[in-house]
Amino acid sequence: MASMSAGILMYRGSGNDMAVLLVHPGGPYWSRRDLGAWSIPKGEIDDGEDAENAACREFSEELGVPVHGRLLLLGRIRQHAGKIVYGYALEGDLDVRIIRSNDVTITWPPRGGRIISFPEIDRADWFAIPFARQKILASQQPFLDRPVDIRKTAPQPNPSETTT
């Protein structure tokens, strides 16, 4: 069975002014990679955990901030090796200078016997959609179209119901 992950695509603005938050993985494998290396903050869904809770947990672990707001399901995509990724959109505005990622430990180089530890995410940044398409993993590019569609179809508040 394919592994499953869940993540959150935070966005701000709309139309041509829309920007999305992407993260760059830490560690030696990704250190010299940029275009096509960024991702939405995401991670594995634990046994018995639903995708939305996993997305919130991973966002908090990778960025060091809790999730506030309503998540909108973007759907799912299939990444390399058959991994299924559930994506959620969240409108927000995170100051990337305050992120504090959790650390991960791996053997590097592979089969080399040396254990190293590093932040799972070494940086995060906001990108306009055209530039985000260049930065994000190719398999996650479909998520970039979906927040725009959700913003167009999201129910708008009724002005007569607004309280002052």
N, C-alpha and C. Protein backbone atom coordinates (compact mmCIF):
# COMPACT_ATOMS: atom_id res chain seq x y z
N MET A 1 0.84 -1.18 0.00
CA MET A 1 0.00 0.00 0.00
C MET A 1 0.89 1.25 0.00
N ALA A 2 0.49 2.24 -0.76
CA ALA A 2 1.24 3.48 -0.86
C ALA A 2 1.20 4.25 0.46
N SER A 3 2.29 4.93 0.78
CA SER A 3 2.28 5.75 1.98
C SER A 3 1.44 7.00 1.73
N MET A 4 0.95 7.59 2.81
CA MET A 4 0.10 8.76 2.69
C MET A 4 0.63 9.89 3.55
N SER A 5 0.59 11.10 2.98
CA SER A 5 1.01 12.31 3.67
C SER A 5 -0.10 13.35 3.55
N ALA A 6 0.02 14.39 4.36
CA ALA A 6 -0.93 15.50 4.29
C ALA A 6 -0.18 16.78 4.58
N GLY A 7 -0.62 17.86 3.94
CA GLY A 7 0.04 19.14 4.13
C GLY A 7 -0.88 20.31 3.86
N ILE A 8 -0.36 21.49 4.15
CA ILE A 8 -1.13 22.72 4.02
C ILE A 8 -0.43 23.69 3.09
N LEU A 9 -1.18 24.20 2.13
CA LEU A 9 -0.72 25.26 1.26
C LEU A 9 -1.32 26.56 1.78
N MET A 10 -0.52 27.33 2.53
CA MET A 10 -1.00 28.62 3.02
C MET A 10 -0.90 29.63 1.88
N TYR A 11 -1.91 30.47 1.78
CA TYR A 11 -1.91 31.49 0.73
C TYR A 11 -2.39 32.82 1.30
N ARG A 12 -2.00 33.87 0.61
CA ARG A 12 -2.46 35.22 0.96
C ARG A 12 -2.71 35.99 -0.33
N GLY A 13 -3.62 36.95 -0.25
CA GLY A 13 -3.95 37.73 -1.44
C GLY A 13 -4.88 36.97 -2.35
N SER A 14 -5.14 37.55 -3.52
CA SER A 14 -6.01 36.90 -4.50
C SER A 14 -5.61 37.37 -5.90
N GLY A 15 -6.11 36.66 -6.88
CA GLY A 15 -5.82 37.01 -8.27
C GLY A 15 -4.33 37.08 -8.54
N ASN A 16 -3.92 38.12 -9.24
CA ASN A 16 -2.50 38.30 -9.57
C ASN A 16 -1.64 38.61 -8.36
N ASP A 17 -2.26 38.99 -7.26
CA ASP A 17 -1.52 39.31 -6.04
C ASP A 17 -1.40 38.11 -5.09
N MET A 18 -1.89 36.94 -5.51
CA MET A 18 -1.83 35.77 -4.63
C MET A 18 -0.39 35.28 -4.50
N ALA A 19 -0.03 34.91 -3.27
CA ALA A 19 1.28 34.30 -2.99
C ALA A 19 1.04 33.07 -2.13
N VAL A 20 1.91 32.09 -2.24
CA VAL A 20 1.81 30.86 -1.46
C VAL A 20 3.08 30.65 -0.65
N LEU A 21 2.92 30.00 0.48
CA LEU A 21 4.04 29.69 1.36
C LEU A 21 4.58 28.30 1.03
N LEU A 22 5.86 28.24 0.70
CA LEU A 22 6.53 26.97 0.43
C LEU A 22 7.71 26.82 1.37
N VAL A 23 8.10 25.58 1.60
CA VAL A 23 9.24 25.29 2.47
C VAL A 23 10.31 24.53 1.71
N HIS A 24 11.55 24.75 2.13
CA HIS A 24 12.70 24.07 1.52
C HIS A 24 13.21 23.05 2.51
N PRO A 25 13.37 21.79 2.09
CA PRO A 25 13.84 20.78 3.03
C PRO A 25 15.29 21.00 3.45
N GLY A 26 15.56 20.72 4.71
CA GLY A 26 16.91 20.85 5.22
C GLY A 26 17.74 19.62 4.90
N GLY A 27 18.97 19.67 5.29
CA GLY A 27 19.85 18.50 5.15
C GLY A 27 20.72 18.53 3.92
N PRO A 28 21.67 17.61 3.89
CA PRO A 28 22.68 17.60 2.84
C PRO A 28 22.14 17.25 1.45
N TYR A 29 21.13 16.42 1.36
CA TYR A 29 20.61 16.03 0.05
C TYR A 29 20.03 17.22 -0.70
N TRP A 30 19.37 18.14 0.00
CA TRP A 30 18.67 19.26 -0.62
C TRP A 30 19.47 20.57 -0.59
N SER A 31 20.62 20.59 0.05
CA SER A 31 21.33 21.84 0.30
C SER A 31 21.66 22.64 -0.96
N ARG A 32 21.92 21.99 -2.07
CA ARG A 32 22.29 22.70 -3.30
C ARG A 32 21.17 22.70 -4.33
N ARG A 33 20.00 22.27 -3.93
CA ARG A 33 18.86 22.22 -4.85
C ARG A 33 17.90 23.35 -4.53
N ASP A 34 17.36 23.96 -5.56
CA ASP A 34 16.42 25.06 -5.36
C ASP A 34 15.19 24.87 -6.26
N LEU A 35 15.32 25.13 -7.54
CA LEU A 35 14.17 24.96 -8.43
C LEU A 35 13.71 23.51 -8.42
N GLY A 36 12.43 23.33 -8.21
CA GLY A 36 11.86 21.98 -8.16
C GLY A 36 12.11 21.24 -6.86
N ALA A 37 12.58 21.93 -5.83
CA ALA A 37 12.89 21.27 -4.56
C ALA A 37 11.96 21.69 -3.42
N TRP A 38 11.23 22.77 -3.55
CA TRP A 38 10.38 23.28 -2.48
C TRP A 38 9.08 22.49 -2.42
N SER A 39 8.37 22.63 -1.31
CA SER A 39 7.19 21.81 -1.06
C SER A 39 6.20 22.57 -0.20
N ILE A 40 4.98 22.04 -0.11
CA ILE A 40 4.08 22.51 0.93
C ILE A 40 4.56 21.85 2.22
N PRO A 41 4.35 22.47 3.39
CA PRO A 41 4.69 21.79 4.64
C PRO A 41 3.80 20.55 4.77
N LYS A 42 4.41 19.38 4.82
CA LYS A 42 3.63 18.14 4.84
C LYS A 42 4.42 17.02 5.49
N GLY A 43 3.71 15.95 5.79
CA GLY A 43 4.38 14.79 6.34
C GLY A 43 3.45 13.60 6.42
N GLU A 44 4.01 12.50 6.89
CA GLU A 44 3.28 11.23 6.95
C GLU A 44 2.07 11.30 7.87
N ILE A 45 1.02 10.61 7.46
CA ILE A 45 -0.17 10.46 8.28
C ILE A 45 0.08 9.26 9.19
N ASP A 46 -0.01 9.47 10.51
CA ASP A 46 0.19 8.39 11.48
C ASP A 46 -0.99 7.42 11.45
N ASP A 47 -0.75 6.19 11.88
CA ASP A 47 -1.83 5.20 11.98
C ASP A 47 -2.97 5.75 12.84
N GLY A 48 -4.19 5.65 12.34
CA GLY A 48 -5.35 6.10 13.08
C GLY A 48 -5.59 7.59 13.05
N GLU A 49 -4.74 8.34 12.35
CA GLU A 49 -4.87 9.80 12.28
C GLU A 49 -5.57 10.18 10.98
N ASP A 50 -6.43 11.19 11.03
CA ASP A 50 -7.04 11.63 9.77
C ASP A 50 -6.11 12.64 9.09
N ALA A 51 -6.34 12.82 7.80
CA ALA A 51 -5.45 13.65 6.99
C ALA A 51 -5.42 15.10 7.46
N GLU A 52 -6.55 15.67 7.83
CA GLU A 52 -6.58 17.07 8.25
C GLU A 52 -5.77 17.28 9.53
N ASN A 53 -5.91 16.39 10.49
CA ASN A 53 -5.12 16.51 11.72
C ASN A 53 -3.63 16.33 11.44
N ALA A 54 -3.30 15.41 10.54
CA ALA A 54 -1.89 15.20 10.18
C ALA A 54 -1.32 16.46 9.52
N ALA A 55 -2.10 17.09 8.65
CA ALA A 55 -1.65 18.31 7.98
C ALA A 55 -1.36 19.41 9.00
N CYS A 56 -2.25 19.57 9.98
CA CYS A 56 -2.05 20.59 11.02
C CYS A 56 -0.83 20.28 11.87
N ARG A 57 -0.67 19.01 12.25
CA ARG A 57 0.48 18.59 13.07
C ARG A 57 1.78 18.86 12.33
N GLU A 58 1.84 18.46 11.07
CA GLU A 58 3.05 18.64 10.28
C GLU A 58 3.39 20.11 10.06
N PHE A 59 2.38 20.92 9.80
CA PHE A 59 2.59 22.36 9.64
C PHE A 59 3.23 22.93 10.90
N SER A 60 2.69 22.56 12.06
CA SER A 60 3.21 23.05 13.34
C SER A 60 4.62 22.54 13.60
N GLU A 61 4.89 21.27 13.30
CA GLU A 61 6.22 20.71 13.52
C GLU A 61 7.26 21.36 12.61
N GLU A 62 6.91 21.55 11.35
CA GLU A 62 7.89 22.04 10.39
C GLU A 62 8.11 23.54 10.46
N LEU A 63 7.10 24.29 10.92
CA LEU A 63 7.24 25.74 10.95
C LEU A 63 7.30 26.31 12.36
N GLY A 64 6.91 25.51 13.36
CA GLY A 64 6.98 25.97 14.74
C GLY A 64 5.85 26.90 15.13
N VAL A 65 4.77 26.92 14.37
CA VAL A 65 3.61 27.75 14.69
C VAL A 65 2.34 26.91 14.55
N PRO A 66 1.35 27.18 15.40
CA PRO A 66 0.10 26.42 15.29
C PRO A 66 -0.73 26.88 14.10
N VAL A 67 -1.65 26.04 13.68
CA VAL A 67 -2.56 26.35 12.59
C VAL A 67 -3.78 27.04 13.16
N HIS A 68 -4.13 28.18 12.58
CA HIS A 68 -5.35 28.90 12.96
C HIS A 68 -6.15 29.16 11.69
N GLY A 69 -7.42 28.82 11.72
CA GLY A 69 -8.27 29.08 10.56
C GLY A 69 -8.86 27.81 10.01
N ARG A 70 -9.72 28.00 9.05
CA ARG A 70 -10.46 26.90 8.43
C ARG A 70 -9.66 26.34 7.26
N LEU A 71 -9.47 25.04 7.25
CA LEU A 71 -8.79 24.38 6.15
C LEU A 71 -9.79 24.02 5.07
N LEU A 72 -9.38 24.19 3.82
CA LEU A 72 -10.20 23.82 2.68
C LEU A 72 -9.48 22.70 1.94
N LEU A 73 -10.15 21.59 1.74
CA LEU A 73 -9.54 20.44 1.06
C LEU A 73 -9.25 20.78 -0.39
N LEU A 74 -7.98 20.57 -0.78
CA LEU A 74 -7.58 20.77 -2.17
C LEU A 74 -7.68 19.48 -2.97
N GLY A 75 -7.78 18.37 -2.28
CA GLY A 75 -7.79 17.07 -2.94
C GLY A 75 -6.50 16.34 -2.67
N ARG A 76 -6.22 15.38 -3.52
CA ARG A 76 -5.00 14.58 -3.34
C ARG A 76 -4.26 14.44 -4.65
N ILE A 77 -2.97 14.23 -4.52
CA ILE A 77 -2.12 14.00 -5.68
C ILE A 77 -1.30 12.74 -5.42
N ARG A 78 -0.71 12.21 -6.46
CA ARG A 78 0.19 11.07 -6.32
C ARG A 78 1.60 11.56 -6.62
N GLN A 79 2.49 11.38 -5.66
CA GLN A 79 3.90 11.76 -5.83
C GLN A 79 4.70 10.55 -6.27
N HIS A 80 6.01 10.71 -6.30
CA HIS A 80 6.92 9.64 -6.68
C HIS A 80 6.69 8.40 -5.81
N ALA A 81 6.98 7.26 -6.37
CA ALA A 81 6.85 5.98 -5.69
C ALA A 81 5.42 5.73 -5.19
N GLY A 82 4.44 6.41 -5.79
CA GLY A 82 3.05 6.16 -5.47
C GLY A 82 2.52 6.83 -4.21
N LYS A 83 3.35 7.64 -3.53
CA LYS A 83 2.90 8.30 -2.30
C LYS A 83 1.70 9.19 -2.61
N ILE A 84 0.66 9.10 -1.76
CA ILE A 84 -0.53 9.93 -1.87
C ILE A 84 -0.36 11.12 -0.91
N VAL A 85 -0.60 12.34 -1.41
CA VAL A 85 -0.51 13.53 -0.58
C VAL A 85 -1.87 14.25 -0.62
N TYR A 86 -2.46 14.42 0.57
CA TYR A 86 -3.69 15.19 0.72
C TYR A 86 -3.28 16.63 0.99
N GLY A 87 -3.84 17.55 0.22
CA GLY A 87 -3.51 18.96 0.40
C GLY A 87 -4.70 19.75 0.90
N TYR A 88 -4.41 20.71 1.75
CA TYR A 88 -5.41 21.63 2.29
C TYR A 88 -4.92 23.05 2.06
N ALA A 89 -5.85 23.95 1.80
CA ALA A 89 -5.52 25.37 1.66
C ALA A 89 -5.89 26.07 2.96
N LEU A 90 -5.09 27.06 3.32
CA LEU A 90 -5.33 27.86 4.52
C LEU A 90 -4.93 29.29 4.20
N GLU A 91 -5.87 30.20 4.35
CA GLU A 91 -5.54 31.60 4.15
C GLU A 91 -4.83 32.10 5.40
N GLY A 92 -3.73 32.80 5.21
CA GLY A 92 -2.97 33.31 6.35
C GLY A 92 -1.81 34.16 5.90
N ASP A 93 -1.08 34.64 6.86
CA ASP A 93 0.08 35.48 6.57
C ASP A 93 1.12 35.22 7.66
N LEU A 94 2.04 34.34 7.38
CA LEU A 94 3.07 33.92 8.33
C LEU A 94 4.36 34.67 8.07
N ASP A 95 4.96 35.21 9.12
CA ASP A 95 6.27 35.85 9.01
C ASP A 95 7.32 34.74 8.96
N VAL A 96 7.95 34.54 7.82
CA VAL A 96 8.89 33.44 7.63
C VAL A 96 10.15 33.58 8.48
N ARG A 97 10.39 34.76 9.02
CA ARG A 97 11.58 34.95 9.86
C ARG A 97 11.43 34.28 11.22
N ILE A 98 10.21 33.87 11.59
CA ILE A 98 10.00 33.28 12.92
C ILE A 98 9.89 31.76 12.90
N ILE A 99 10.04 31.12 11.74
CA ILE A 99 9.86 29.66 11.71
C ILE A 99 10.94 28.97 12.52
N ARG A 100 10.54 27.89 13.16
CA ARG A 100 11.45 27.05 13.95
C ARG A 100 11.06 25.60 13.69
N SER A 101 11.81 24.95 12.83
CA SER A 101 11.50 23.59 12.43
C SER A 101 12.00 22.57 13.45
N ASN A 102 11.32 21.44 13.47
CA ASN A 102 11.79 20.30 14.25
C ASN A 102 13.05 19.74 13.59
N ASP A 103 13.84 18.99 14.34
CA ASP A 103 15.06 18.37 13.81
C ASP A 103 14.78 16.93 13.41
N VAL A 104 15.52 16.47 12.42
CA VAL A 104 15.48 15.06 12.01
C VAL A 104 16.90 14.51 12.08
N THR A 105 16.99 13.21 12.22
CA THR A 105 18.28 12.53 12.30
C THR A 105 18.34 11.46 11.22
N ILE A 106 19.46 11.43 10.48
CA ILE A 106 19.65 10.43 9.43
C ILE A 106 21.10 9.96 9.45
N THR A 107 21.33 8.89 8.73
CA THR A 107 22.70 8.43 8.47
C THR A 107 23.14 9.08 7.17
N TRP A 108 24.29 9.80 7.22
CA TRP A 108 24.79 10.47 6.02
C TRP A 108 26.30 10.35 5.94
N PRO A 109 26.82 10.03 4.77
CA PRO A 109 26.07 9.61 3.59
C PRO A 109 25.39 8.27 3.81
N PRO A 110 24.41 7.95 2.94
CA PRO A 110 23.71 6.68 3.12
C PRO A 110 24.70 5.52 3.25
N ARG A 111 24.45 4.68 4.19
CA ARG A 111 25.30 3.51 4.51
C ARG A 111 26.70 3.93 4.95
N GLY A 112 26.85 5.23 5.29
CA GLY A 112 28.15 5.74 5.70
C GLY A 112 28.42 5.60 7.19
N GLY A 113 27.37 5.33 7.96
CA GLY A 113 27.56 5.11 9.39
C GLY A 113 27.60 6.35 10.25
N ARG A 114 27.63 7.53 9.69
CA ARG A 114 27.67 8.76 10.49
C ARG A 114 26.26 9.29 10.68
N ILE A 115 25.86 9.53 11.91
CA ILE A 115 24.54 10.05 12.22
C ILE A 115 24.62 11.57 12.30
N ILE A 116 23.74 12.26 11.54
CA ILE A 116 23.70 13.72 11.60
C ILE A 116 22.27 14.17 11.92
N SER A 117 22.16 15.35 12.49
CA SER A 117 20.87 15.93 12.83
C SER A 117 20.81 17.34 12.22
N PHE A 118 19.64 17.72 11.73
CA PHE A 118 19.46 19.02 11.10
C PHE A 118 17.97 19.37 11.09
N PRO A 119 17.64 20.66 10.89
CA PRO A 119 16.23 21.05 10.81
C PRO A 119 15.57 20.40 9.59
N GLU A 120 14.37 19.90 9.79
CA GLU A 120 13.64 19.28 8.67
C GLU A 120 13.39 20.30 7.56
N ILE A 121 13.13 21.55 7.94
CA ILE A 121 12.93 22.63 6.99
C ILE A 121 14.00 23.68 7.27
N ASP A 122 14.78 24.05 6.24
CA ASP A 122 15.82 25.05 6.50
C ASP A 122 15.37 26.48 6.19
N ARG A 123 14.28 26.61 5.44
CA ARG A 123 13.73 27.94 5.20
C ARG A 123 12.32 27.83 4.60
N ALA A 124 11.61 28.93 4.70
CA ALA A 124 10.28 29.06 4.10
C ALA A 124 10.22 30.42 3.45
N ASP A 125 9.37 30.54 2.43
CA ASP A 125 9.23 31.84 1.78
C ASP A 125 7.91 31.90 1.03
N TRP A 126 7.51 33.14 0.75
CA TRP A 126 6.31 33.41 -0.03
C TRP A 126 6.69 33.60 -1.48
N PHE A 127 5.89 33.00 -2.37
CA PHE A 127 6.14 33.11 -3.80
C PHE A 127 4.84 33.40 -4.54
N ALA A 128 4.93 34.31 -5.52
CA ALA A 128 3.81 34.49 -6.44
C ALA A 128 3.64 33.18 -7.21
N ILE A 129 2.41 32.90 -7.63
CA ILE A 129 2.11 31.62 -8.26
C ILE A 129 3.04 31.29 -9.43
N PRO A 130 3.33 32.19 -10.36
CA PRO A 130 4.22 31.81 -11.47
C PRO A 130 5.61 31.37 -10.99
N PHE A 131 6.16 32.04 -10.00
CA PHE A 131 7.48 31.67 -9.48
C PHE A 131 7.38 30.40 -8.63
N ALA A 132 6.28 30.24 -7.90
CA ALA A 132 6.07 29.02 -7.10
C ALA A 132 6.07 27.78 -7.99
N ARG A 133 5.54 27.90 -9.20
CA ARG A 133 5.53 26.76 -10.14
C ARG A 133 6.95 26.28 -10.45
N GLN A 134 7.90 27.19 -10.46
CA GLN A 134 9.29 26.82 -10.72
C GLN A 134 9.94 26.21 -9.48
N LYS A 135 9.54 26.69 -8.31
CA LYS A 135 10.17 26.27 -7.06
C LYS A 135 9.67 24.93 -6.54
N ILE A 136 8.36 24.67 -6.68
CA ILE A 136 7.73 23.51 -6.04
C ILE A 136 8.06 22.21 -6.77
N LEU A 137 8.04 21.11 -6.03
CA LEU A 137 8.19 19.79 -6.64
C LEU A 137 7.17 19.64 -7.76
N ALA A 138 7.57 19.08 -8.87
CA ALA A 138 6.67 18.94 -10.03
C ALA A 138 5.38 18.23 -9.66
N SER A 139 5.46 17.21 -8.83
CA SER A 139 4.26 16.45 -8.46
C SER A 139 3.26 17.26 -7.64
N GLN A 140 3.72 18.34 -7.00
CA GLN A 140 2.81 19.17 -6.19
C GLN A 140 2.29 20.39 -6.94
N GLN A 141 2.70 20.61 -8.16
CA GLN A 141 2.23 21.76 -8.92
C GLN A 141 0.70 21.85 -9.04
N PRO A 142 -0.03 20.74 -9.15
CA PRO A 142 -1.49 20.86 -9.23
C PRO A 142 -2.11 21.59 -8.03
N PHE A 143 -1.50 21.52 -6.87
CA PHE A 143 -2.04 22.23 -5.71
C PHE A 143 -2.04 23.75 -5.94
N LEU A 144 -1.15 24.24 -6.77
CA LEU A 144 -1.05 25.69 -6.98
C LEU A 144 -2.25 26.26 -7.73
N ASP A 145 -2.95 25.44 -8.49
CA ASP A 145 -4.14 25.91 -9.21
C ASP A 145 -5.36 25.95 -8.30
N ARG A 146 -5.38 25.11 -7.32
CA ARG A 146 -6.60 24.91 -6.55
C ARG A 146 -6.97 26.02 -5.58
N PRO A 147 -6.04 26.71 -4.90
CA PRO A 147 -6.48 27.80 -4.02
C PRO A 147 -7.19 28.91 -4.79
N VAL A 148 -6.74 29.16 -6.01
CA VAL A 148 -7.37 30.19 -6.83
C VAL A 148 -8.82 29.79 -7.09
N ASP A 149 -9.04 28.53 -7.45
CA ASP A 149 -10.39 28.05 -7.72
C ASP A 149 -11.26 28.13 -6.47
N ILE A 150 -10.71 27.76 -5.32
CA ILE A 150 -11.48 27.80 -4.08
C ILE A 150 -11.87 29.23 -3.74
N ARG A 151 -10.94 30.17 -3.93
CA ARG A 151 -11.26 31.57 -3.63
C ARG A 151 -12.41 32.07 -4.51
N LYS A 152 -12.46 31.62 -5.76
CA LYS A 152 -13.51 32.06 -6.66
C LYS A 152 -14.87 31.49 -6.27
N THR A 153 -14.88 30.28 -5.69
CA THR A 153 -16.14 29.62 -5.42
C THR A 153 -16.52 29.61 -3.94
N ALA A 154 -15.66 30.14 -3.09
CA ALA A 154 -15.96 30.16 -1.65
C ALA A 154 -17.19 31.02 -1.39
N PRO A 155 -18.07 30.58 -0.48
CA PRO A 155 -19.24 31.40 -0.18
C PRO A 155 -18.83 32.74 0.41
N GLN A 156 -19.45 33.79 -0.07
CA GLN A 156 -19.16 35.14 0.40
C GLN A 156 -20.16 35.52 1.49
N PRO A 157 -19.72 36.27 2.50
CA PRO A 157 -20.66 36.67 3.54
C PRO A 157 -21.74 37.58 2.96
N ASN A 158 -22.93 37.45 3.50
CA ASN A 158 -24.04 38.28 3.09
C ASN A 158 -23.93 39.62 3.80
N PRO A 159 -23.80 40.73 3.06
CA PRO A 159 -23.62 42.03 3.71
C PRO A 159 -24.76 42.37 4.68
N SER A 160 -25.96 41.88 4.42
CA SER A 160 -27.07 42.18 5.32
C SER A 160 -26.95 41.46 6.65
N GLU A 161 -26.08 40.40 6.71
CA GLU A 161 -25.90 39.67 7.95
C GLU A 161 -24.71 40.18 8.76
N THR A 162 -23.99 41.13 8.24
CA THR A 162 -22.82 41.67 8.92
C THR A 162 -23.25 42.50 10.12
N THR A 163 -22.60 42.24 11.26
CA THR A 163 -22.90 43.01 12.46
C THR A 163 -21.85 44.10 12.63
N THR A 164 -22.24 45.18 13.28
CA THR A 164 -21.28 46.26 13.50
C THR A 164 -21.02 46.46 14.96
